Amino acid sequence: MAQIDDQTRTELEAAAFRTLIHHLMEKRTDVQNIDLMNLGGFCRNCLSRWYQEAANARGIEMGKDEAREIVYGMPYADWVAQNQTEASAQQKADFAMSFAQNVGTPKE
């Protein structure tokens, strides 16, 4: 395996992240967050939360809405209106389990 310095590794990771965001934002809007969470244990909201937490850890003030707009490429409410479909009862049941395993207790 090639030796990669820290700066190059960071740049490669950033490029991979941008490609993932673009893929979810432009090419696979049909993939629902609930399906991502149920199958992968994370979704677009998780990505935006991780982005926000990374910014905040570096002293950059960023709220949830700002972070979501970066990940969704538009305000979250607009993305939901354009792309989100109603989840089935099975998807919701699977989500409750996946959320608890991967994130914690869902907030009511």
PDB file of N, CA and C in Angstrom:
ATOM      1  N   MET A   1       0.843  -1.174   0.000  1.00  0.00           N
ATOM      2  CA  MET A   1       0.000   0.000   0.000  1.00  0.00           C
ATOM      3  C   MET A   1       0.891   1.241   0.000  1.00  0.00           C
ATOM      4  N   ALA A   2       0.499   2.215  -0.786  1.00  0.00           N
ATOM      5  CA  ALA A   2       1.281   3.447  -0.898  1.00  0.00           C
ATOM      6  C   ALA A   2       1.238   4.231   0.407  1.00  0.00           C
ATOM      7  N   GLN A   3       2.353   4.860   0.711  1.00  0.00           N
ATOM      8  CA  GLN A   3       2.419   5.732   1.879  1.00  0.00           C
ATOM      9  C   GLN A   3       1.758   7.064   1.527  1.00  0.00           C
ATOM     10  N   ILE A   4       0.842   7.495   2.353  1.00  0.00           N
ATOM     11  CA  ILE A   4       0.121   8.737   2.115  1.00  0.00           C
ATOM     12  C   ILE A   4       0.321   9.632   3.333  1.00  0.00           C
ATOM     13  N   ASP A   5       0.762  10.860   3.080  1.00  0.00           N
ATOM     14  CA  ASP A   5       0.964  11.788   4.185  1.00  0.00           C
ATOM     15  C   ASP A   5      -0.403  12.278   4.694  1.00  0.00           C
ATOM     16  N   ASP A   6      -0.401  12.859   5.886  1.00  0.00           N
ATOM     17  CA  ASP A   6      -1.648  13.274   6.535  1.00  0.00           C
ATOM     18  C   ASP A   6      -2.444  14.279   5.707  1.00  0.00           C
ATOM     19  N   GLN A   7      -1.783  15.236   5.096  1.00  0.00           N
ATOM     20  CA  GLN A   7      -2.485  16.247   4.293  1.00  0.00           C
ATOM     21  C   GLN A   7      -3.173  15.604   3.094  1.00  0.00           C
ATOM     22  N   THR A   8      -2.467  14.715   2.408  1.00  0.00           N
ATOM     23  CA  THR A   8      -3.049  14.032   1.247  1.00  0.00           C
ATOM     24  C   THR A   8      -4.210  13.146   1.690  1.00  0.00           C
ATOM     25  N   ARG A   9      -4.045  12.430   2.812  1.00  0.00           N
ATOM     26  CA  ARG A   9      -5.132  11.594   3.325  1.00  0.00           C
ATOM     27  C   ARG A   9      -6.372  12.440   3.612  1.00  0.00           C
ATOM     28  N   THR A  10      -6.176  13.586   4.241  1.00  0.00           N
ATOM     29  CA  THR A  10      -7.298  14.479   4.536  1.00  0.00           C
ATOM     30  C   THR A  10      -7.970  14.945   3.247  1.00  0.00           C
ATOM     31  N   GLU A  11      -7.185  15.287   2.255  1.00  0.00           N
ATOM     32  CA  GLU A  11      -7.733  15.728   0.966  1.00  0.00           C
ATOM     33  C   GLU A  11      -8.505  14.606   0.271  1.00  0.00           C
ATOM     34  N   LEU A  12      -7.975  13.390   0.334  1.00  0.00           N
ATOM     35  CA  LEU A  12      -8.667  12.247  -0.266  1.00  0.00           C
ATOM     36  C   LEU A  12      -9.979  11.949   0.464  1.00  0.00           C
ATOM     37  N   GLU A  13      -9.937  12.001   1.793  1.00  0.00           N
ATOM     38  CA  GLU A  13     -11.158  11.784   2.573  1.00  0.00           C
ATOM     39  C   GLU A  13     -12.202  12.861   2.260  1.00  0.00           C
ATOM     40  N   ALA A  14     -11.760  14.100   2.138  1.00  0.00           N
ATOM     41  CA  ALA A  14     -12.680  15.195   1.811  1.00  0.00           C
ATOM     42  C   ALA A  14     -13.284  14.985   0.424  1.00  0.00           C
ATOM     43  N   ALA A  15     -12.475  14.546  -0.513  1.00  0.00           N
ATOM     44  CA  ALA A  15     -12.980  14.291  -1.864  1.00  0.00           C
ATOM     45  C   ALA A  15     -14.004  13.159  -1.858  1.00  0.00           C
ATOM     46  N   ALA A  16     -13.728  12.107  -1.099  1.00  0.00           N
ATOM     47  CA  ALA A  16     -14.676  10.990  -1.002  1.00  0.00           C
ATOM     48  C   ALA A  16     -15.982  11.459  -0.357  1.00  0.00           C
ATOM     49  N   PHE A  17     -15.886  12.287   0.682  1.00  0.00           N
ATOM     50  CA  PHE A  17     -17.080  12.821   1.335  1.00  0.00           C
ATOM     51  C   PHE A  17     -17.893  13.662   0.358  1.00  0.00           C
ATOM     52  N   ARG A  18     -17.229  14.542  -0.386  1.00  0.00           N
ATOM     53  CA  ARG A  18     -17.946  15.375  -1.367  1.00  0.00           C
ATOM     54  C   ARG A  18     -18.624  14.511  -2.423  1.00  0.00           C
ATOM     55  N   THR A  19     -17.963  13.439  -2.834  1.00  0.00           N
ATOM     56  CA  THR A  19     -18.560  12.536  -3.825  1.00  0.00           C
ATOM     57  C   THR A  19     -19.781  11.834  -3.241  1.00  0.00           C
ATOM     58  N   LEU A  20     -19.700  11.387  -2.000  1.00  0.00           N
ATOM     59  CA  LEU A  20     -20.848  10.763  -1.340  1.00  0.00           C
ATOM     60  C   LEU A  20     -22.015  11.739  -1.253  1.00  0.00           C
ATOM     61  N   ILE A  21     -21.748  12.962  -0.813  1.00  0.00           N
ATOM     62  CA  ILE A  21     -22.809  13.967  -0.696  1.00  0.00           C
ATOM     63  C   ILE A  21     -23.431  14.233  -2.061  1.00  0.00           C
ATOM     64  N   HIS A  22     -22.604  14.404  -3.091  1.00  0.00           N
ATOM     65  CA  HIS A  22     -23.121  14.644  -4.442  1.00  0.00           C
ATOM     66  C   HIS A  22     -23.970  13.467  -4.914  1.00  0.00           C
ATOM     67  N   HIS A  23     -23.499  12.269  -4.648  1.00  0.00           N
ATOM     68  CA  HIS A  23     -24.229  11.067  -5.057  1.00  0.00           C
ATOM     69  C   HIS A  23     -25.618  11.039  -4.410  1.00  0.00           C
ATOM     70  N   LEU A  24     -25.677  11.296  -3.097  1.00  0.00           N
ATOM     71  CA  LEU A  24     -26.968  11.289  -2.395  1.00  0.00           C
ATOM     72  C   LEU A  24     -27.838  12.479  -2.789  1.00  0.00           C
ATOM     73  N   MET A  25     -27.198  13.609  -3.091  1.00  0.00           N
ATOM     74  CA  MET A  25     -27.916  14.838  -3.392  1.00  0.00           C
ATOM     75  C   MET A  25     -28.453  14.863  -4.824  1.00  0.00           C
ATOM     76  N   GLU A  26     -27.677  14.348  -5.751  1.00  0.00           N
ATOM     77  CA  GLU A  26     -28.013  14.487  -7.160  1.00  0.00           C
ATOM     78  C   GLU A  26     -28.446  13.194  -7.844  1.00  0.00           C
ATOM     79  N   LYS A  27     -27.805  12.109  -7.504  1.00  0.00           N
ATOM     80  CA  LYS A  27     -28.044  10.872  -8.241  1.00  0.00           C
ATOM     81  C   LYS A  27     -29.020   9.936  -7.555  1.00  0.00           C
ATOM     82  N   ARG A  28     -29.113   9.971  -6.218  1.00  0.00           N
ATOM     83  CA  ARG A  28     -29.937   8.995  -5.510  1.00  0.00           C
ATOM     84  C   ARG A  28     -30.890   9.652  -4.517  1.00  0.00           C
ATOM     85  N   THR A  29     -31.598  10.665  -4.985  1.00  0.00           N
ATOM     86  CA  THR A  29     -32.611  11.277  -4.127  1.00  0.00           C
ATOM     87  C   THR A  29     -33.743  10.303  -3.839  1.00  0.00           C
ATOM     88  N   ASP A  30     -33.823   9.238  -4.645  1.00  0.00           N
ATOM     89  CA  ASP A  30     -34.856   8.230  -4.436  1.00  0.00           C
ATOM     90  C   ASP A  30     -34.570   7.360  -3.209  1.00  0.00           C
ATOM     91  N   VAL A  31     -33.331   7.317  -2.770  1.00  0.00           N
ATOM     92  CA  VAL A  31     -32.982   6.523  -1.593  1.00  0.00           C
ATOM     93  C   VAL A  31     -33.409   7.307  -0.356  1.00  0.00           C
ATOM     94  N   GLN A  32     -34.336   6.753   0.364  1.00  0.00           N
ATOM     95  CA  GLN A  32     -34.896   7.429   1.526  1.00  0.00           C
ATOM     96  C   GLN A  32     -33.954   7.329   2.721  1.00  0.00           C
ATOM     97  N   ASN A  33     -33.970   8.351   3.561  1.00  0.00           N
ATOM     98  CA  ASN A  33     -33.158   8.335   4.775  1.00  0.00           C
ATOM     99  C   ASN A  33     -33.459   7.113   5.634  1.00  0.00           C
ATOM    100  N   ILE A  34     -34.721   6.756   5.718  1.00  0.00           N
ATOM    101  CA  ILE A  34     -35.096   5.621   6.558  1.00  0.00           C
ATOM    102  C   ILE A  34     -34.453   4.336   6.045  1.00  0.00           C
ATOM    103  N   ASP A  35     -34.322   4.213   4.725  1.00  0.00           N
ATOM    104  CA  ASP A  35     -33.668   3.033   4.155  1.00  0.00           C
ATOM    105  C   ASP A  35     -32.170   3.057   4.429  1.00  0.00           C
ATOM    106  N   LEU A  36     -31.548   4.232   4.317  1.00  0.00           N
ATOM    107  CA  LEU A  36     -30.130   4.347   4.656  1.00  0.00           C
ATOM    108  C   LEU A  36     -29.888   3.950   6.103  1.00  0.00           C
ATOM    109  N   MET A  37     -30.731   4.470   7.002  1.00  0.00           N
ATOM    110  CA  MET A  37     -30.570   4.182   8.421  1.00  0.00           C
ATOM    111  C   MET A  37     -30.803   2.696   8.697  1.00  0.00           C
ATOM    112  N   ASN A  38     -31.844   2.149   8.108  1.00  0.00           N
ATOM    113  CA  ASN A  38     -32.168   0.749   8.367  1.00  0.00           C
ATOM    114  C   ASN A  38     -31.095  -0.200   7.841  1.00  0.00           C
ATOM    115  N   LEU A  39     -30.492   0.134   6.711  1.00  0.00           N
ATOM    116  CA  LEU A  39     -29.494  -0.758   6.122  1.00  0.00           C
ATOM    117  C   LEU A  39     -28.073  -0.430   6.554  1.00  0.00           C
ATOM    118  N   GLY A  40     -27.766   0.857   6.681  1.00  0.00           N
ATOM    119  CA  GLY A  40     -26.394   1.254   6.943  1.00  0.00           C
ATOM    120  C   GLY A  40     -26.116   1.818   8.326  1.00  0.00           C
ATOM    121  N   GLY A  41     -27.179   2.115   9.069  1.00  0.00           N
ATOM    122  CA  GLY A  41     -26.987   2.661  10.397  1.00  0.00           C
ATOM    123  C   GLY A  41     -26.689   4.144  10.417  1.00  0.00           C
ATOM    124  N   PHE A  42     -26.838   4.810   9.278  1.00  0.00           N
ATOM    125  CA  PHE A  42     -26.677   6.261   9.201  1.00  0.00           C
ATOM    126  C   PHE A  42     -27.522   6.768   8.043  1.00  0.00           C
ATOM    127  N   CYS A  43     -27.770   8.081   8.038  1.00  0.00           N
ATOM    128  CA  CYS A  43     -28.534   8.684   6.942  1.00  0.00           C
ATOM    129  C   CYS A  43     -27.990  10.080   6.677  1.00  0.00           C
ATOM    130  N   ARG A  44     -28.644  10.815   5.822  1.00  0.00           N
ATOM    131  CA  ARG A  44     -28.224  12.171   5.506  1.00  0.00           C
ATOM    132  C   ARG A  44     -28.222  13.049   6.754  1.00  0.00           C
ATOM    133  N   ASN A  45     -29.197  12.853   7.623  1.00  0.00           N
ATOM    134  CA  ASN A  45     -29.243  13.647   8.855  1.00  0.00           C
ATOM    135  C   ASN A  45     -28.038  13.344   9.738  1.00  0.00           C
ATOM    136  N   CYS A  46     -27.609  12.094   9.770  1.00  0.00           N
ATOM    137  CA  CYS A  46     -26.405  11.739  10.526  1.00  0.00           C
ATOM    138  C   CYS A  46     -25.187  12.456   9.929  1.00  0.00           C
ATOM    139  N   LEU A  47     -25.067  12.424   8.606  1.00  0.00           N
ATOM    140  CA  LEU A  47     -23.950  13.104   7.957  1.00  0.00           C
ATOM    141  C   LEU A  47     -23.939  14.589   8.311  1.00  0.00           C
ATOM    142  N   SER A  48     -25.110  15.206   8.282  1.00  0.00           N
ATOM    143  CA  SER A  48     -25.159  16.637   8.592  1.00  0.00           C
ATOM    144  C   SER A  48     -24.820  16.880  10.064  1.00  0.00           C
ATOM    145  N   ARG A  49     -25.262  15.999  10.949  1.00  0.00           N
ATOM    146  CA  ARG A  49     -24.934  16.139  12.369  1.00  0.00           C
ATOM    147  C   ARG A  49     -23.426  15.986  12.585  1.00  0.00           C
ATOM    148  N   TRP A  50     -22.809  15.000  11.930  1.00  0.00           N
ATOM    149  CA  TRP A  50     -21.370  14.811  12.052  1.00  0.00           C
ATOM    150  C   TRP A  50     -20.620  16.034  11.530  1.00  0.00           C
ATOM    151  N   TYR A  51     -21.105  16.606  10.441  1.00  0.00           N
ATOM    152  CA  TYR A  51     -20.488  17.803   9.865  1.00  0.00           C
ATOM    153  C   TYR A  51     -20.591  18.959  10.862  1.00  0.00           C
ATOM    154  N   GLN A  52     -21.772  19.149  11.423  1.00  0.00           N
ATOM    155  CA  GLN A  52     -21.998  20.203  12.410  1.00  0.00           C
ATOM    156  C   GLN A  52     -21.099  19.998  13.623  1.00  0.00           C
ATOM    157  N   GLU A  53     -21.034  18.790  14.138  1.00  0.00           N
ATOM    158  CA  GLU A  53     -20.204  18.503  15.300  1.00  0.00           C
ATOM    159  C   GLU A  53     -18.729  18.772  15.014  1.00  0.00           C
ATOM    160  N   ALA A  54     -18.262  18.435  13.816  1.00  0.00           N
ATOM    161  CA  ALA A  54     -16.869  18.694  13.446  1.00  0.00           C
ATOM    162  C   ALA A  54     -16.604  20.197  13.380  1.00  0.00           C
ATOM    163  N   ALA A  55     -17.545  20.930  12.817  1.00  0.00           N
ATOM    164  CA  ALA A  55     -17.400  22.387  12.746  1.00  0.00           C
ATOM    165  C   ALA A  55     -17.381  22.982  14.148  1.00  0.00           C
ATOM    166  N   ASN A  56     -18.341  22.591  14.973  1.00  0.00           N
ATOM    167  CA  ASN A  56     -18.426  23.110  16.338  1.00  0.00           C
ATOM    168  C   ASN A  56     -17.166  22.780  17.141  1.00  0.00           C
ATOM    169  N   ALA A  57     -16.615  21.586  16.950  1.00  0.00           N
ATOM    170  CA  ALA A  57     -15.405  21.181  17.662  1.00  0.00           C
ATOM    171  C   ALA A  57     -14.206  22.050  17.288  1.00  0.00           C
ATOM    172  N   ARG A  58     -14.291  22.670  16.127  1.00  0.00           N
ATOM    173  CA  ARG A  58     -13.209  23.545  15.669  1.00  0.00           C
ATOM    174  C   ARG A  58     -13.529  25.019  15.920  1.00  0.00           C
ATOM    175  N   GLY A  59     -14.574  25.254  16.719  1.00  0.00           N
ATOM    176  CA  GLY A  59     -14.929  26.625  17.063  1.00  0.00           C
ATOM    177  C   GLY A  59     -15.734  27.355  16.005  1.00  0.00           C
ATOM    178  N   ILE A  60     -16.237  26.619  15.030  1.00  0.00           N
ATOM    179  CA  ILE A  60     -17.059  27.220  13.976  1.00  0.00           C
ATOM    180  C   ILE A  60     -18.515  27.057  14.381  1.00  0.00           C
ATOM    181  N   GLU A  61     -19.198  28.175  14.545  1.00  0.00           N
ATOM    182  CA  GLU A  61     -20.613  28.100  14.906  1.00  0.00           C
ATOM    183  C   GLU A  61     -21.412  27.646  13.698  1.00  0.00           C
ATOM    184  N   MET A  62     -22.121  26.550  13.868  1.00  0.00           N
ATOM    185  CA  MET A  62     -22.964  26.019  12.800  1.00  0.00           C
ATOM    186  C   MET A  62     -24.135  25.318  13.444  1.00  0.00           C
ATOM    187  N   GLY A  63     -25.317  25.669  13.012  1.00  0.00           N
ATOM    188  CA  GLY A  63     -26.517  25.041  13.522  1.00  0.00           C
ATOM    189  C   GLY A  63     -26.933  23.858  12.673  1.00  0.00           C
ATOM    190  N   LYS A  64     -27.941  23.143  13.165  1.00  0.00           N
ATOM    191  CA  LYS A  64     -28.441  21.956  12.478  1.00  0.00           C
ATOM    192  C   LYS A  64     -28.945  22.301  11.077  1.00  0.00           C
ATOM    193  N   ASP A  65     -29.681  23.396  10.947  1.00  0.00           N
ATOM    194  CA  ASP A  65     -30.233  23.762   9.641  1.00  0.00           C
ATOM    195  C   ASP A  65     -29.137  24.074   8.632  1.00  0.00           C
ATOM    196  N   GLU A  66     -28.089  24.773   9.073  1.00  0.00           N
ATOM    197  CA  GLU A  66     -26.970  25.086   8.176  1.00  0.00           C
ATOM    198  C   GLU A  66     -26.280  23.809   7.707  1.00  0.00           C
ATOM    199  N   ALA A  67     -26.036  22.911   8.632  1.00  0.00           N
ATOM    200  CA  ALA A  67     -25.363  21.662   8.286  1.00  0.00           C
ATOM    201  C   ALA A  67     -26.224  20.823   7.341  1.00  0.00           C
ATOM    202  N   ARG A  68     -27.509  20.777   7.613  1.00  0.00           N
ATOM    203  CA  ARG A  68     -28.394  20.002   6.726  1.00  0.00           C
ATOM    204  C   ARG A  68     -28.418  20.589   5.323  1.00  0.00           C
ATOM    205  N   GLU A  69     -28.390  21.906   5.210  1.00  0.00           N
ATOM    206  CA  GLU A  69     -28.410  22.512   3.876  1.00  0.00           C
ATOM    207  C   GLU A  69     -27.149  22.142   3.097  1.00  0.00           C
ATOM    208  N   ILE A  70     -26.020  21.995   3.784  1.00  0.00           N
ATOM    209  CA  ILE A  70     -24.787  21.567   3.120  1.00  0.00           C
ATOM    210  C   ILE A  70     -24.945  20.144   2.592  1.00  0.00           C
ATOM    211  N   VAL A  71     -25.510  19.260   3.385  1.00  0.00           N
ATOM    212  CA  VAL A  71     -25.648  17.854   2.997  1.00  0.00           C
ATOM    213  C   VAL A  71     -26.761  17.655   1.976  1.00  0.00           C
ATOM    214  N   TYR A  72     -27.867  18.370   2.128  1.00  0.00           N
ATOM    215  CA  TYR A  72     -29.007  18.200   1.228  1.00  0.00           C
ATOM    216  C   TYR A  72     -28.923  19.076  -0.015  1.00  0.00           C
ATOM    217  N   GLY A  73     -28.096  20.111   0.020  1.00  0.00           N
ATOM    218  CA  GLY A  73     -27.981  21.005  -1.127  1.00  0.00           C
ATOM    219  C   GLY A  73     -29.134  21.974  -1.250  1.00  0.00           C
ATOM    220  N   MET A  74     -29.952  22.043  -0.219  1.00  0.00           N
ATOM    221  CA  MET A  74     -31.127  22.914  -0.173  1.00  0.00           C
ATOM    222  C   MET A  74     -31.659  22.873   1.249  1.00  0.00           C
ATOM    223  N   PRO A  75     -32.557  23.766   1.592  1.00  0.00           N
ATOM    224  CA  PRO A  75     -33.170  23.659   2.924  1.00  0.00           C
ATOM    225  C   PRO A  75     -33.823  22.283   3.102  1.00  0.00           C
ATOM    226  N   TYR A  76     -33.697  21.748   4.309  1.00  0.00           N
ATOM    227  CA  TYR A  76     -34.198  20.411   4.607  1.00  0.00           C
ATOM    228  C   TYR A  76     -35.678  20.267   4.261  1.00  0.00           C
ATOM    229  N   ALA A  77     -36.484  21.256   4.618  1.00  0.00           N
ATOM    230  CA  ALA A  77     -37.927  21.181   4.345  1.00  0.00           C
ATOM    231  C   ALA A  77     -38.198  21.071   2.847  1.00  0.00           C
ATOM    232  N   ASP A  78     -37.393  21.747   2.038  1.00  0.00           N
ATOM    233  CA  ASP A  78     -37.563  21.659   0.580  1.00  0.00           C
ATOM    234  C   ASP A  78     -37.230  20.257   0.085  1.00  0.00           C
ATOM    235  N   TRP A  79     -36.139  19.672   0.613  1.00  0.00           N
ATOM    236  CA  TRP A  79     -35.763  18.327   0.194  1.00  0.00           C
ATOM    237  C   TRP A  79     -36.856  17.330   0.563  1.00  0.00           C
ATOM    238  N   VAL A  80     -37.379  17.449   1.780  1.00  0.00           N
ATOM    239  CA  VAL A  80     -38.441  16.554   2.232  1.00  0.00           C
ATOM    240  C   VAL A  80     -39.648  16.666   1.299  1.00  0.00           C
ATOM    241  N   ALA A  81     -40.037  17.894   0.989  1.00  0.00           N
ATOM    242  CA  ALA A  81     -41.203  18.101   0.123  1.00  0.00           C
ATOM    243  C   ALA A  81     -40.985  17.521  -1.276  1.00  0.00           C
ATOM    244  N   GLN A  82     -39.769  17.593  -1.774  1.00  0.00           N
ATOM    245  CA  GLN A  82     -39.479  17.125  -3.127  1.00  0.00           C
ATOM    246  C   GLN A  82     -39.193  15.634  -3.220  1.00  0.00           C
ATOM    247  N   ASN A  83     -38.651  15.049  -2.156  1.00  0.00           N
ATOM    248  CA  ASN A  83     -38.097  13.699  -2.293  1.00  0.00           C
ATOM    249  C   ASN A  83     -38.583  12.656  -1.302  1.00  0.00           C
ATOM    250  N   GLN A  84     -39.053  13.058  -0.156  1.00  0.00           N
ATOM    251  CA  GLN A  84     -39.377  12.061   0.871  1.00  0.00           C
ATOM    252  C   GLN A  84     -40.744  11.444   0.634  1.00  0.00           C
ATOM    253  N   THR A  85     -40.801  10.139   0.791  1.00  0.00           N
ATOM    254  CA  THR A  85     -42.057   9.414   0.657  1.00  0.00           C
ATOM    255  C   THR A  85     -42.485   8.899   2.032  1.00  0.00           C
ATOM    256  N   GLU A  86     -43.720   8.498   2.143  1.00  0.00           N
ATOM    257  CA  GLU A  86     -44.236   7.968   3.404  1.00  0.00           C
ATOM    258  C   GLU A  86     -43.599   6.609   3.688  1.00  0.00           C
ATOM    259  N   ALA A  87     -43.148   6.436   4.899  1.00  0.00           N
ATOM    260  CA  ALA A  87     -42.531   5.177   5.300  1.00  0.00           C
ATOM    261  C   ALA A  87     -43.604   4.158   5.655  1.00  0.00           C
ATOM    262  N   SER A  88     -43.315   2.911   5.349  1.00  0.00           N
ATOM    263  CA  SER A  88     -44.233   1.830   5.699  1.00  0.00           C
ATOM    264  C   SER A  88     -44.121   1.524   7.191  1.00  0.00           C
ATOM    265  N   ALA A  89     -45.078   0.784   7.697  1.00  0.00           N
ATOM    266  CA  ALA A  89     -45.038   0.376   9.104  1.00  0.00           C
ATOM    267  C   ALA A  89     -43.781  -0.453   9.387  1.00  0.00           C
ATOM    268  N   GLN A  90     -43.394  -1.333   8.463  1.00  0.00           N
ATOM    269  CA  GLN A  90     -42.191  -2.147   8.644  1.00  0.00           C
ATOM    270  C   GLN A  90     -40.937  -1.274   8.658  1.00  0.00           C
ATOM    271  N   GLN A  91     -40.862  -0.293   7.746  1.00  0.00           N
ATOM    272  CA  GLN A  91     -39.712   0.617   7.729  1.00  0.00           C
ATOM    273  C   GLN A  91     -39.604   1.375   9.052  1.00  0.00           C
ATOM    274  N   LYS A  92     -40.737   1.812   9.573  1.00  0.00           N
ATOM    275  CA  LYS A  92     -40.746   2.551  10.834  1.00  0.00           C
ATOM    276  C   LYS A  92     -40.294   1.662  11.992  1.00  0.00           C
ATOM    277  N   ALA A  93     -40.739   0.424  12.009  1.00  0.00           N
ATOM    278  CA  ALA A  93     -40.335  -0.515  13.060  1.00  0.00           C
ATOM    279  C   ALA A  93     -38.833  -0.803  12.966  1.00  0.00           C
ATOM    280  N   ASP A  94     -38.356  -1.030  11.750  1.00  0.00           N
ATOM    281  CA  ASP A  94     -36.930  -1.280  11.547  1.00  0.00           C
ATOM    282  C   ASP A  94     -36.114  -0.054  11.948  1.00  0.00           C
ATOM    283  N   PHE A  95     -36.645   1.138  11.633  1.00  0.00           N
ATOM    284  CA  PHE A  95     -35.950   2.379  11.969  1.00  0.00           C
ATOM    285  C   PHE A  95     -35.796   2.541  13.476  1.00  0.00           C
ATOM    286  N   ALA A  96     -36.837   2.254  14.218  1.00  0.00           N
ATOM    287  CA  ALA A  96     -36.770   2.394  15.682  1.00  0.00           C
ATOM    288  C   ALA A  96     -35.631   1.542  16.236  1.00  0.00           C
ATOM    289  N   MET A  97     -35.484   0.328  15.718  1.00  0.00           N
ATOM    290  CA  MET A  97     -34.417  -0.559  16.173  1.00  0.00           C
ATOM    291  C   MET A  97     -33.058  -0.035  15.715  1.00  0.00           C
ATOM    292  N   SER A  98     -32.943   0.348  14.455  1.00  0.00           N
ATOM    293  CA  SER A  98     -31.677   0.827  13.916  1.00  0.00           C
ATOM    294  C   SER A  98     -31.231   2.110  14.605  1.00  0.00           C
ATOM    295  N   PHE A  99     -32.173   3.026  14.821  1.00  0.00           N
ATOM    296  CA  PHE A  99     -31.848   4.290  15.487  1.00  0.00           C
ATOM    297  C   PHE A  99     -31.324   4.016  16.890  1.00  0.00           C
ATOM    298  N   ALA A 100     -32.002   3.159  17.613  1.00  0.00           N
ATOM    299  CA  ALA A 100     -31.576   2.837  18.980  1.00  0.00           C
ATOM    300  C   ALA A 100     -30.179   2.222  18.986  1.00  0.00           C
ATOM    301  N   GLN A 101     -29.886   1.359  18.031  1.00  0.00           N
ATOM    302  CA  GLN A 101     -28.582   0.701  17.967  1.00  0.00           C
ATOM    303  C   GLN A 101     -27.472   1.651  17.555  1.00  0.00           C
ATOM    304  N   ASN A 102     -27.779   2.592  16.646  1.00  0.00           N
ATOM    305  CA  ASN A 102     -26.743   3.408  16.044  1.00  0.00           C
ATOM    306  C   ASN A 102     -26.644   4.834  16.577  1.00  0.00           C
ATOM    307  N   VAL A 103     -27.734   5.337  17.117  1.00  0.00           N
ATOM    308  CA  VAL A 103     -27.755   6.738  17.550  1.00  0.00           C
ATOM    309  C   VAL A 103     -28.094   6.866  19.030  1.00  0.00           C
ATOM    310  N   GLY A 104     -29.113   6.161  19.466  1.00  0.00           N
ATOM    311  CA  GLY A 104     -29.553   6.251  20.843  1.00  0.00           C
ATOM    312  C   GLY A 104     -31.064   6.171  20.897  1.00  0.00           C
ATOM    313  N   THR A 105     -31.624   6.527  22.006  1.00  0.00           N
ATOM    314  CA  THR A 105     -33.063   6.484  22.177  1.00  0.00           C
ATOM    315  C   THR A 105     -33.712   7.608  21.372  1.00  0.00           C
ATOM    316  N   PRO A 106     -34.671   7.296  20.484  1.00  0.00           N
ATOM    317  CA  PRO A 106     -35.335   8.340  19.711  1.00  0.00           C
ATOM    318  C   PRO A 106     -36.056   9.328  20.646  1.00  0.00           C
ATOM    319  N   LYS A 107     -35.981  10.606  20.258  1.00  0.00           N
ATOM    320  CA  LYS A 107     -36.673  11.641  21.002  1.00  0.00           C
ATOM    321  C   LYS A 107     -38.097  11.728  20.505  1.00  0.00           C
ATOM    322  N   GLU A 108     -39.017  11.857  21.430  1.00  0.00           N
ATOM    323  CA  GLU A 108     -40.436  11.964  21.059  1.00  0.00           C
ATOM    324  C   GLU A 108     -40.738  13.341  20.548  1.00  0.00           C
TER     325      GLU A 108
END
